[in-house]
Amino acid sequence: MANKRDYYDILGVGKDVTDDELKKAYRKLAKEHHPDANTDNKEAAEAKFKEVSEAYEVLSDSQKRQSYDRFRA
């Protein structure tokens, strides 16, 4: 995980984000970077979409989020 960006930065939220704010930020970015919506640069959009989805998956789960906050570099 040393070469990955901070999940909070990826989603553009702070550490004190609420679940509703987190979901809203994820949906906005997922829609913006969805590969089907970016036919001109599908590979870059897909990579960004996967990054956003991974960040949301970790931060939306309370146990994963606690572990991430505790052990991230």
N, C-alpha and C. Protein backbone atom coordinates (compact mmCIF):
# COMPACT_ATOMS: atom_id res chain seq x y z
N MET A 1 0.81 -1.19 0.00
CA MET A 1 0.00 0.00 0.00
C MET A 1 0.86 1.25 0.00
N ALA A 2 2.14 1.11 -0.04
CA ALA A 2 3.04 2.25 0.02
C ALA A 2 2.94 3.13 -1.22
N ASN A 3 2.60 2.55 -2.37
CA ASN A 3 2.53 3.34 -3.58
C ASN A 3 1.13 3.86 -3.89
N LYS A 4 0.18 3.67 -3.01
CA LYS A 4 -1.19 4.12 -3.23
C LYS A 4 -1.43 5.46 -2.53
N ARG A 5 -2.34 6.21 -3.11
CA ARG A 5 -2.74 7.47 -2.51
C ARG A 5 -3.67 7.23 -1.32
N ASP A 6 -3.81 8.23 -0.52
CA ASP A 6 -4.70 8.17 0.63
C ASP A 6 -6.15 8.07 0.15
N TYR A 7 -6.90 7.15 0.70
CA TYR A 7 -8.29 6.95 0.30
C TYR A 7 -9.15 8.19 0.52
N TYR A 8 -8.90 8.91 1.58
CA TYR A 8 -9.66 10.14 1.83
C TYR A 8 -9.38 11.17 0.73
N ASP A 9 -8.14 11.27 0.29
CA ASP A 9 -7.79 12.18 -0.80
C ASP A 9 -8.43 11.77 -2.11
N ILE A 10 -8.44 10.47 -2.37
CA ILE A 10 -9.03 9.96 -3.61
C ILE A 10 -10.49 10.39 -3.72
N LEU A 11 -11.22 10.29 -2.61
CA LEU A 11 -12.64 10.65 -2.61
C LEU A 11 -12.88 12.13 -2.33
N GLY A 12 -11.84 12.86 -1.98
CA GLY A 12 -11.97 14.29 -1.74
C GLY A 12 -12.75 14.62 -0.48
N VAL A 13 -12.56 13.83 0.56
CA VAL A 13 -13.26 14.02 1.83
C VAL A 13 -12.26 14.07 2.97
N GLY A 14 -12.71 14.56 4.12
CA GLY A 14 -11.87 14.60 5.31
C GLY A 14 -12.06 13.35 6.15
N LYS A 15 -11.21 13.19 7.16
CA LYS A 15 -11.28 12.01 8.03
C LYS A 15 -12.57 11.96 8.85
N ASP A 16 -13.19 13.10 9.06
CA ASP A 16 -14.40 13.16 9.87
C ASP A 16 -15.68 13.09 9.02
N VAL A 17 -15.57 12.55 7.82
CA VAL A 17 -16.70 12.48 6.90
C VAL A 17 -17.80 11.55 7.44
N THR A 18 -19.05 11.95 7.21
CA THR A 18 -20.17 11.10 7.61
C THR A 18 -20.43 10.06 6.51
N ASP A 19 -21.21 9.05 6.83
CA ASP A 19 -21.53 8.02 5.85
C ASP A 19 -22.26 8.59 4.64
N ASP A 20 -23.18 9.53 4.88
CA ASP A 20 -23.93 10.13 3.78
C ASP A 20 -23.02 10.97 2.88
N GLU A 21 -22.12 11.73 3.48
CA GLU A 21 -21.18 12.54 2.69
C GLU A 21 -20.24 11.65 1.89
N LEU A 22 -19.82 10.55 2.49
CA LEU A 22 -18.94 9.59 1.82
C LEU A 22 -19.63 8.99 0.60
N LYS A 23 -20.86 8.58 0.79
CA LYS A 23 -21.64 7.99 -0.30
C LYS A 23 -21.85 9.00 -1.43
N LYS A 24 -22.14 10.24 -1.08
CA LYS A 24 -22.37 11.29 -2.07
C LYS A 24 -21.10 11.56 -2.88
N ALA A 25 -19.96 11.62 -2.20
CA ALA A 25 -18.68 11.86 -2.88
C ALA A 25 -18.34 10.70 -3.80
N TYR A 26 -18.58 9.48 -3.33
CA TYR A 26 -18.31 8.29 -4.16
C TYR A 26 -19.17 8.28 -5.41
N ARG A 27 -20.45 8.50 -5.25
CA ARG A 27 -21.36 8.45 -6.39
C ARG A 27 -21.00 9.50 -7.44
N LYS A 28 -20.64 10.68 -6.98
CA LYS A 28 -20.25 11.75 -7.91
C LYS A 28 -19.02 11.34 -8.72
N LEU A 29 -18.00 10.84 -8.02
CA LEU A 29 -16.76 10.44 -8.71
C LEU A 29 -16.95 9.19 -9.57
N ALA A 30 -17.75 8.25 -9.10
CA ALA A 30 -17.99 7.04 -9.88
C ALA A 30 -18.70 7.37 -11.18
N LYS A 31 -19.65 8.26 -11.11
CA LYS A 31 -20.37 8.67 -12.33
C LYS A 31 -19.44 9.41 -13.28
N GLU A 32 -18.61 10.27 -12.72
CA GLU A 32 -17.67 11.07 -13.52
C GLU A 32 -16.62 10.21 -14.21
N HIS A 33 -16.15 9.16 -13.55
CA HIS A 33 -15.05 8.35 -14.07
C HIS A 33 -15.48 6.97 -14.59
N HIS A 34 -16.76 6.76 -14.74
CA HIS A 34 -17.22 5.46 -15.23
C HIS A 34 -16.74 5.25 -16.67
N PRO A 35 -16.18 4.09 -16.97
CA PRO A 35 -15.65 3.83 -18.33
C PRO A 35 -16.67 4.01 -19.44
N ASP A 36 -17.93 3.69 -19.19
CA ASP A 36 -18.95 3.84 -20.23
C ASP A 36 -19.24 5.31 -20.54
N ALA A 37 -18.97 6.19 -19.59
CA ALA A 37 -19.19 7.62 -19.80
C ALA A 37 -17.98 8.31 -20.41
N ASN A 38 -16.86 7.62 -20.48
CA ASN A 38 -15.61 8.18 -21.00
C ASN A 38 -15.08 7.32 -22.14
N THR A 39 -15.79 7.31 -23.23
CA THR A 39 -15.42 6.44 -24.34
C THR A 39 -14.14 6.88 -25.03
N ASP A 40 -13.77 8.16 -24.92
CA ASP A 40 -12.55 8.64 -25.56
C ASP A 40 -11.29 8.20 -24.84
N ASN A 41 -11.36 7.97 -23.53
CA ASN A 41 -10.19 7.53 -22.76
C ASN A 41 -10.63 6.48 -21.75
N LYS A 42 -11.10 5.39 -22.28
CA LYS A 42 -11.72 4.34 -21.46
C LYS A 42 -10.76 3.71 -20.45
N GLU A 43 -9.50 3.47 -20.84
CA GLU A 43 -8.56 2.81 -19.93
C GLU A 43 -8.21 3.67 -18.72
N ALA A 44 -7.98 4.95 -18.94
CA ALA A 44 -7.68 5.85 -17.82
C ALA A 44 -8.89 5.99 -16.91
N ALA A 45 -10.06 6.09 -17.51
CA ALA A 45 -11.29 6.20 -16.72
C ALA A 45 -11.51 4.94 -15.89
N GLU A 46 -11.24 3.79 -16.49
CA GLU A 46 -11.42 2.53 -15.77
C GLU A 46 -10.47 2.43 -14.58
N ALA A 47 -9.23 2.87 -14.76
CA ALA A 47 -8.26 2.84 -13.67
C ALA A 47 -8.70 3.76 -12.52
N LYS A 48 -9.15 4.96 -12.86
CA LYS A 48 -9.61 5.90 -11.84
C LYS A 48 -10.87 5.38 -11.16
N PHE A 49 -11.78 4.79 -11.94
CA PHE A 49 -13.01 4.22 -11.40
C PHE A 49 -12.69 3.12 -10.39
N LYS A 50 -11.75 2.26 -10.71
CA LYS A 50 -11.35 1.18 -9.79
C LYS A 50 -10.74 1.76 -8.51
N GLU A 51 -9.93 2.81 -8.65
CA GLU A 51 -9.31 3.45 -7.49
C GLU A 51 -10.38 4.05 -6.57
N VAL A 52 -11.35 4.73 -7.16
CA VAL A 52 -12.44 5.33 -6.40
C VAL A 52 -13.27 4.25 -5.71
N SER A 53 -13.55 3.17 -6.42
CA SER A 53 -14.35 2.08 -5.86
C SER A 53 -13.63 1.39 -4.70
N GLU A 54 -12.33 1.20 -4.85
CA GLU A 54 -11.55 0.58 -3.77
C GLU A 54 -11.55 1.47 -2.52
N ALA A 55 -11.38 2.76 -2.71
CA ALA A 55 -11.38 3.69 -1.58
C ALA A 55 -12.73 3.66 -0.88
N TYR A 56 -13.80 3.66 -1.65
CA TYR A 56 -15.14 3.64 -1.05
C TYR A 56 -15.40 2.32 -0.33
N GLU A 57 -14.95 1.22 -0.91
CA GLU A 57 -15.16 -0.08 -0.29
C GLU A 57 -14.53 -0.13 1.11
N VAL A 58 -13.35 0.42 1.24
CA VAL A 58 -12.67 0.40 2.54
C VAL A 58 -13.31 1.40 3.51
N LEU A 59 -13.56 2.61 3.06
CA LEU A 59 -14.05 3.63 3.97
C LEU A 59 -15.52 3.47 4.35
N SER A 60 -16.29 2.77 3.54
CA SER A 60 -17.71 2.60 3.85
C SER A 60 -17.96 1.48 4.86
N ASP A 61 -17.01 0.61 5.04
CA ASP A 61 -17.11 -0.49 6.01
C ASP A 61 -16.43 -0.04 7.30
N SER A 62 -17.17 0.02 8.39
CA SER A 62 -16.62 0.58 9.63
C SER A 62 -15.39 -0.17 10.15
N GLN A 63 -15.38 -1.49 10.03
CA GLN A 63 -14.22 -2.25 10.51
C GLN A 63 -12.99 -2.02 9.61
N LYS A 64 -13.21 -2.04 8.31
CA LYS A 64 -12.10 -1.80 7.39
C LYS A 64 -11.57 -0.37 7.56
N ARG A 65 -12.48 0.56 7.80
CA ARG A 65 -12.07 1.96 7.98
C ARG A 65 -11.24 2.13 9.24
N GLN A 66 -11.64 1.47 10.32
CA GLN A 66 -10.87 1.55 11.56
C GLN A 66 -9.47 0.99 11.35
N SER A 67 -9.38 -0.15 10.69
CA SER A 67 -8.07 -0.75 10.41
C SER A 67 -7.23 0.16 9.52
N TYR A 68 -7.85 0.72 8.50
CA TYR A 68 -7.14 1.61 7.59
C TYR A 68 -6.61 2.83 8.34
N ASP A 69 -7.45 3.44 9.16
CA ASP A 69 -7.02 4.61 9.93
C ASP A 69 -5.91 4.26 10.90
N ARG A 70 -5.94 3.08 11.46
CA ARG A 70 -4.95 2.68 12.45
C ARG A 70 -3.60 2.35 11.80
N PHE A 71 -3.62 1.69 10.65
CA PHE A 71 -2.39 1.14 10.09
C PHE A 71 -1.85 1.84 8.86
N ARG A 72 -2.52 2.84 8.36
CA ARG A 72 -1.99 3.49 7.15
C ARG A 72 -0.74 4.28 7.47
N ALA A 73 0.07 4.42 6.46
CA ALA A 73 1.37 5.08 6.64
C ALA A 73 1.25 6.57 6.69
